[in-house]
Amino acid sequence: MSRFYSEVTSKGQRSSKETTQTKMGDRSGMRAHLRGWNIGVEVYLEVNEEGRDEIRVYRTKGSNDRFERRIELIAFLEEEKNND
């Protein structure tokens, strides 16, 4: 069973692209950079040091930024700790 799933669908298209990844190593995960010409987001989905999933979302300057710099962290989500 895969730990991570992604799906990308273009607006107006009937098809989508799906990707899966099983956990391999301590820091497995996925990265996506969705962008327009002047604005975008870069998303990381990874396993943190405690073994929980975390998501970081960064604002970028889009396709016109040839250095693909991250401007700022705009969201951080972490899987809740299981208290079993």
Protein backbone atom coordinates (compact mmCIF):
# COMPACT_ATOMS: atom_id res chain seq x y z
CA MET A 1 0.00 0.00 0.00
CA SER A 2 1.32 3.43 -0.92
CA ARG A 3 1.92 6.00 1.77
CA PHE A 4 1.61 9.05 -0.50
CA TYR A 5 -0.78 9.79 -3.36
CA SER A 6 -1.00 12.72 -5.75
CA GLU A 7 -3.44 13.55 -8.50
CA VAL A 8 -3.22 16.41 -11.00
CA THR A 9 -6.12 17.38 -13.25
CA SER A 10 -6.04 20.22 -15.75
CA LYS A 11 -9.10 22.44 -15.73
CA GLY A 12 -11.24 21.58 -18.74
CA GLN A 13 -9.54 18.22 -19.26
CA ARG A 14 -11.15 14.87 -18.73
CA SER A 15 -7.95 13.06 -17.80
CA SER A 16 -5.74 13.23 -14.75
CA LYS A 17 -2.29 12.06 -13.71
CA GLU A 18 -1.97 10.02 -10.54
CA THR A 19 1.26 9.18 -8.71
CA THR A 20 1.88 7.01 -5.67
CA GLN A 21 4.91 6.38 -3.48
CA THR A 22 5.56 3.90 -0.75
CA LYS A 23 7.77 4.88 2.16
CA MET A 24 11.41 4.32 1.32
CA GLY A 25 13.99 5.51 3.83
CA ASP A 26 13.62 7.99 6.65
CA ARG A 27 12.70 11.09 4.60
CA SER A 28 10.56 9.83 1.72
CA GLY A 29 7.97 12.10 0.21
CA MET A 30 6.69 14.09 -2.74
CA ARG A 31 7.25 17.58 -4.15
CA ALA A 32 5.02 19.54 -6.52
CA HIS A 33 5.42 23.02 -7.99
CA LEU A 34 2.21 24.44 -9.47
CA ARG A 35 2.67 27.81 -11.12
CA GLY A 36 1.37 30.48 -13.36
CA TRP A 37 3.63 33.08 -14.98
CA ASN A 38 4.06 35.24 -11.87
CA ILE A 39 2.76 33.27 -8.90
CA GLY A 40 2.87 29.68 -7.75
CA VAL A 41 3.05 27.27 -4.85
CA GLU A 42 5.60 24.60 -4.04
CA VAL A 43 4.26 21.76 -1.89
CA TYR A 44 6.28 19.20 0.03
CA LEU A 45 4.74 16.07 1.58
CA GLU A 46 7.28 14.21 3.71
CA VAL A 47 7.75 11.97 6.70
CA ASN A 48 9.28 13.96 9.58
CA GLU A 49 11.84 12.80 12.14
CA GLU A 50 9.06 11.45 14.38
CA GLY A 51 7.62 9.28 11.59
CA ARG A 52 4.54 11.47 11.00
CA ASP A 53 3.48 13.01 7.71
CA GLU A 54 3.94 16.75 7.27
CA ILE A 55 3.04 19.19 4.50
CA ARG A 56 4.77 22.50 3.80
CA VAL A 57 3.41 24.99 1.24
CA TYR A 58 5.59 27.82 -0.06
CA ARG A 59 4.59 30.79 -2.21
CA THR A 60 6.79 31.21 -5.32
CA LYS A 61 7.13 33.76 -8.10
CA GLY A 62 5.89 31.34 -10.77
CA SER A 63 7.40 30.39 -14.12
CA ASN A 64 9.00 33.79 -14.76
CA ASP A 65 11.37 33.29 -11.81
CA ARG A 66 14.17 31.35 -13.46
CA PHE A 67 15.77 30.58 -10.06
CA GLU A 68 12.52 29.05 -8.67
CA ARG A 69 12.94 30.77 -5.31
CA ARG A 70 10.53 30.15 -2.47
CA ILE A 71 9.21 33.48 -1.16
CA GLU A 72 7.59 32.41 2.08
CA LEU A 73 6.15 29.46 3.96
CA ILE A 74 2.38 30.00 3.79
CA ALA A 75 1.10 26.77 5.38
CA PHE A 76 2.40 23.97 7.57
CA LEU A 77 0.38 20.88 8.44
CA GLU A 78 1.47 17.94 10.56
CA GLU A 79 -0.20 14.60 11.16
CA GLU A 80 -1.65 14.46 14.66
CA LYS A 81 0.23 12.43 17.22
CA ASN A 82 -1.35 9.04 17.85
CA ASN A 83 -1.87 8.58 21.60
CA ASP A 84 -2.56 4.84 21.51
